[in-house]
Amino acid sequence: MSNNDILKKLRVALQLRDDEILRILKLVNFEISKGELGALFRNEDHPNFKKCGDQILRNFLNGLVIHLRGPKDDKKDRLPNL
């Protein structure tokens, strides 16, 4: 399964629109254009198809965590010193 397939399946499963995906990417300071995002969802045989790299998928997943859980609170998540 390619990164493009994973991104497509997450978009469908979470019912995300393109503008929502772009906002999720902005949460981790990663910006791409709407055209570039559309190219990730095209069929592989389409002339404007763009392969989804590891960096795009990684940033989307990190942004998705922030989107769903909220920003990380360092004080709460720290382990006590033993």
N, C-alpha and C. Protein backbone atom coordinates (compact mmCIF):
# COMPACT_ATOMS: atom_id res chain seq x y z
N MET A 1 0.84 -1.17 0.00
CA MET A 1 0.00 0.00 0.00
C MET A 1 0.90 1.24 0.00
N SER A 2 0.60 2.16 -0.89
CA SER A 2 1.43 3.36 -1.01
C SER A 2 0.97 4.44 -0.04
N ASN A 3 1.80 5.46 0.12
CA ASN A 3 1.43 6.59 0.96
C ASN A 3 0.18 7.28 0.43
N ASN A 4 0.05 7.33 -0.91
CA ASN A 4 -1.14 7.93 -1.51
C ASN A 4 -2.39 7.17 -1.10
N ASP A 5 -2.31 5.84 -1.10
CA ASP A 5 -3.46 5.02 -0.71
C ASP A 5 -3.83 5.25 0.75
N ILE A 6 -2.83 5.35 1.61
CA ILE A 6 -3.08 5.58 3.03
C ILE A 6 -3.76 6.94 3.23
N LEU A 7 -3.26 7.96 2.56
CA LEU A 7 -3.84 9.29 2.66
C LEU A 7 -5.29 9.31 2.16
N LYS A 8 -5.54 8.62 1.04
CA LYS A 8 -6.90 8.53 0.49
C LYS A 8 -7.84 7.84 1.47
N LYS A 9 -7.39 6.74 2.04
CA LYS A 9 -8.24 5.97 2.96
C LYS A 9 -8.55 6.76 4.23
N LEU A 10 -7.56 7.50 4.74
CA LEU A 10 -7.80 8.33 5.92
C LEU A 10 -8.77 9.46 5.60
N ARG A 11 -8.64 10.03 4.41
CA ARG A 11 -9.55 11.11 4.02
C ARG A 11 -10.99 10.62 3.98
N VAL A 12 -11.20 9.44 3.41
CA VAL A 12 -12.54 8.88 3.31
C VAL A 12 -13.06 8.46 4.69
N ALA A 13 -12.23 7.77 5.46
CA ALA A 13 -12.65 7.26 6.76
C ALA A 13 -13.01 8.39 7.73
N LEU A 14 -12.26 9.49 7.67
CA LEU A 14 -12.50 10.60 8.59
C LEU A 14 -13.37 11.69 7.96
N GLN A 15 -13.82 11.46 6.73
CA GLN A 15 -14.68 12.38 5.99
C GLN A 15 -14.10 13.79 5.96
N LEU A 16 -12.84 13.88 5.54
CA LEU A 16 -12.14 15.16 5.49
C LEU A 16 -12.23 15.77 4.10
N ARG A 17 -12.44 17.07 4.05
CA ARG A 17 -12.41 17.80 2.79
C ARG A 17 -10.99 18.33 2.58
N ASP A 18 -10.71 18.77 1.38
CA ASP A 18 -9.36 19.27 1.07
C ASP A 18 -8.96 20.42 1.98
N ASP A 19 -9.87 21.36 2.23
CA ASP A 19 -9.51 22.50 3.07
C ASP A 19 -9.23 22.07 4.51
N GLU A 20 -9.89 21.02 4.98
CA GLU A 20 -9.62 20.51 6.32
C GLU A 20 -8.24 19.85 6.38
N ILE A 21 -7.88 19.14 5.34
CA ILE A 21 -6.55 18.51 5.28
C ILE A 21 -5.47 19.59 5.27
N LEU A 22 -5.70 20.66 4.52
CA LEU A 22 -4.72 21.75 4.49
C LEU A 22 -4.59 22.41 5.86
N ARG A 23 -5.70 22.56 6.60
CA ARG A 23 -5.63 23.13 7.95
C ARG A 23 -4.89 22.20 8.90
N ILE A 24 -5.09 20.89 8.74
CA ILE A 24 -4.39 19.91 9.58
C ILE A 24 -2.89 19.99 9.33
N LEU A 25 -2.49 20.14 8.08
CA LEU A 25 -1.07 20.27 7.77
C LEU A 25 -0.49 21.57 8.32
N LYS A 26 -1.29 22.63 8.35
CA LYS A 26 -0.81 23.91 8.90
C LYS A 26 -0.58 23.83 10.40
N LEU A 27 -1.25 22.89 11.08
CA LEU A 27 -1.04 22.74 12.52
C LEU A 27 0.40 22.36 12.85
N VAL A 28 1.09 21.73 11.91
CA VAL A 28 2.49 21.35 12.12
C VAL A 28 3.42 22.18 11.23
N ASN A 29 2.91 23.36 10.83
CA ASN A 29 3.69 24.30 10.02
C ASN A 29 4.18 23.69 8.72
N PHE A 30 3.33 22.89 8.09
CA PHE A 30 3.65 22.29 6.79
C PHE A 30 2.56 22.72 5.82
N GLU A 31 2.95 23.48 4.81
CA GLU A 31 1.95 24.00 3.88
C GLU A 31 2.22 23.50 2.47
N ILE A 32 1.14 23.06 1.82
CA ILE A 32 1.16 22.73 0.41
C ILE A 32 -0.05 23.41 -0.21
N SER A 33 -0.02 23.56 -1.52
CA SER A 33 -1.14 24.21 -2.19
C SER A 33 -2.27 23.21 -2.40
N LYS A 34 -3.45 23.76 -2.68
CA LYS A 34 -4.61 22.92 -2.93
C LYS A 34 -4.40 22.07 -4.20
N GLY A 35 -3.67 22.62 -5.16
CA GLY A 35 -3.36 21.89 -6.39
C GLY A 35 -2.45 20.70 -6.13
N GLU A 36 -1.45 20.91 -5.29
CA GLU A 36 -0.55 19.81 -4.93
C GLU A 36 -1.30 18.72 -4.18
N LEU A 37 -2.20 19.12 -3.30
CA LEU A 37 -2.99 18.15 -2.56
C LEU A 37 -3.88 17.34 -3.51
N GLY A 38 -4.48 18.02 -4.47
CA GLY A 38 -5.32 17.33 -5.45
C GLY A 38 -4.52 16.33 -6.27
N ALA A 39 -3.27 16.66 -6.56
CA ALA A 39 -2.41 15.76 -7.34
C ALA A 39 -2.11 14.48 -6.57
N LEU A 40 -2.13 14.53 -5.24
CA LEU A 40 -1.89 13.34 -4.43
C LEU A 40 -3.04 12.35 -4.51
N PHE A 41 -4.24 12.86 -4.79
CA PHE A 41 -5.43 12.01 -4.82
C PHE A 41 -5.80 11.54 -6.22
N ARG A 42 -5.03 11.89 -7.22
CA ARG A 42 -5.32 11.46 -8.59
C ARG A 42 -4.89 10.01 -8.80
N ASN A 43 -5.39 9.41 -9.88
CA ASN A 43 -4.97 8.06 -10.25
C ASN A 43 -3.52 8.08 -10.71
N GLU A 44 -2.83 6.98 -10.50
CA GLU A 44 -1.39 6.91 -10.85
C GLU A 44 -1.14 7.16 -12.33
N ASP A 45 -2.09 6.83 -13.19
CA ASP A 45 -1.88 6.99 -14.63
C ASP A 45 -2.23 8.40 -15.12
N HIS A 46 -2.70 9.26 -14.24
CA HIS A 46 -3.03 10.64 -14.61
C HIS A 46 -1.73 11.43 -14.79
N PRO A 47 -1.68 12.32 -15.78
CA PRO A 47 -0.44 13.08 -16.01
C PRO A 47 -0.04 14.00 -14.86
N ASN A 48 -0.99 14.45 -14.06
CA ASN A 48 -0.67 15.36 -12.95
C ASN A 48 -0.57 14.64 -11.61
N PHE A 49 -0.48 13.33 -11.62
CA PHE A 49 -0.34 12.55 -10.39
C PHE A 49 0.97 12.89 -9.71
N LYS A 50 0.93 13.02 -8.39
CA LYS A 50 2.14 13.26 -7.61
C LYS A 50 2.22 12.20 -6.52
N LYS A 51 3.38 11.59 -6.40
CA LYS A 51 3.58 10.58 -5.38
C LYS A 51 3.67 11.25 -4.01
N CYS A 52 2.96 10.70 -3.04
CA CYS A 52 2.97 11.23 -1.68
C CYS A 52 4.23 10.73 -0.98
N GLY A 53 5.09 11.64 -0.63
CA GLY A 53 6.32 11.27 0.04
C GLY A 53 6.10 11.01 1.52
N ASP A 54 7.11 10.44 2.14
CA ASP A 54 7.05 10.14 3.57
C ASP A 54 6.87 11.42 4.41
N GLN A 55 7.49 12.52 3.98
CA GLN A 55 7.41 13.76 4.73
C GLN A 55 5.98 14.29 4.78
N ILE A 56 5.26 14.23 3.66
CA ILE A 56 3.88 14.72 3.62
C ILE A 56 3.00 13.86 4.52
N LEU A 57 3.12 12.54 4.39
CA LEU A 57 2.29 11.65 5.20
C LEU A 57 2.62 11.80 6.69
N ARG A 58 3.90 11.90 7.02
CA ARG A 58 4.31 12.05 8.42
C ARG A 58 3.74 13.33 9.01
N ASN A 59 3.83 14.43 8.28
CA ASN A 59 3.31 15.69 8.77
C ASN A 59 1.79 15.66 8.87
N PHE A 60 1.12 15.00 7.94
CA PHE A 60 -0.33 14.88 8.03
C PHE A 60 -0.72 14.09 9.27
N LEU A 61 -0.04 12.98 9.54
CA LEU A 61 -0.37 12.17 10.72
C LEU A 61 -0.10 12.93 12.01
N ASN A 62 1.02 13.67 12.07
CA ASN A 62 1.31 14.48 13.26
C ASN A 62 0.27 15.58 13.44
N GLY A 63 -0.14 16.20 12.36
CA GLY A 63 -1.18 17.22 12.42
C GLY A 63 -2.52 16.64 12.81
N LEU A 64 -2.79 15.43 12.36
CA LEU A 64 -4.05 14.76 12.68
C LEU A 64 -4.14 14.47 14.17
N VAL A 65 -3.02 14.10 14.78
CA VAL A 65 -2.99 13.87 16.22
C VAL A 65 -3.34 15.16 16.96
N ILE A 66 -2.75 16.26 16.54
CA ILE A 66 -3.05 17.55 17.18
C ILE A 66 -4.50 17.93 16.94
N HIS A 67 -4.99 17.70 15.74
CA HIS A 67 -6.37 18.03 15.39
C HIS A 67 -7.37 17.25 16.24
N LEU A 68 -7.11 15.97 16.45
CA LEU A 68 -8.05 15.12 17.17
C LEU A 68 -7.88 15.18 18.69
N ARG A 69 -6.66 15.32 19.17
CA ARG A 69 -6.39 15.30 20.62
C ARG A 69 -6.15 16.66 21.22
N GLY A 70 -5.72 17.58 20.41
CA GLY A 70 -5.33 18.89 20.92
C GLY A 70 -3.81 18.94 21.05
N PRO A 71 -3.27 20.13 21.25
CA PRO A 71 -1.81 20.26 21.36
C PRO A 71 -1.28 19.57 22.61
N LYS A 72 -0.06 19.12 22.51
CA LYS A 72 0.57 18.40 23.62
C LYS A 72 0.87 19.37 24.76
N ASP A 73 0.47 18.99 25.95
CA ASP A 73 0.76 19.78 27.14
C ASP A 73 1.95 19.12 27.83
N ASP A 74 3.10 19.77 27.77
CA ASP A 74 4.34 19.18 28.28
C ASP A 74 4.27 18.85 29.77
N LYS A 75 3.61 19.66 30.55
CA LYS A 75 3.57 19.44 31.99
C LYS A 75 2.76 18.20 32.35
N LYS A 76 1.69 17.93 31.65
CA LYS A 76 0.85 16.76 31.92
C LYS A 76 1.55 15.46 31.53
N ASP A 77 2.24 15.50 30.39
CA ASP A 77 2.78 14.27 29.81
C ASP A 77 4.14 13.87 30.37
N ARG A 78 4.72 14.67 31.20
CA ARG A 78 6.04 14.33 31.73
C ARG A 78 5.92 13.23 32.77
N LEU A 79 6.85 12.35 32.75
CA LEU A 79 6.91 11.29 33.75
C LEU A 79 7.57 11.83 35.01
N PRO A 80 7.13 11.43 36.16
CA PRO A 80 7.78 11.91 37.38
C PRO A 80 9.19 11.34 37.49
N ASN A 81 10.07 12.12 38.08
CA ASN A 81 11.43 11.64 38.29
C ASN A 81 11.43 10.58 39.41
N LEU A 82 12.03 9.48 39.12
CA LEU A 82 12.08 8.38 40.12
C LEU A 82 13.42 8.30 40.78
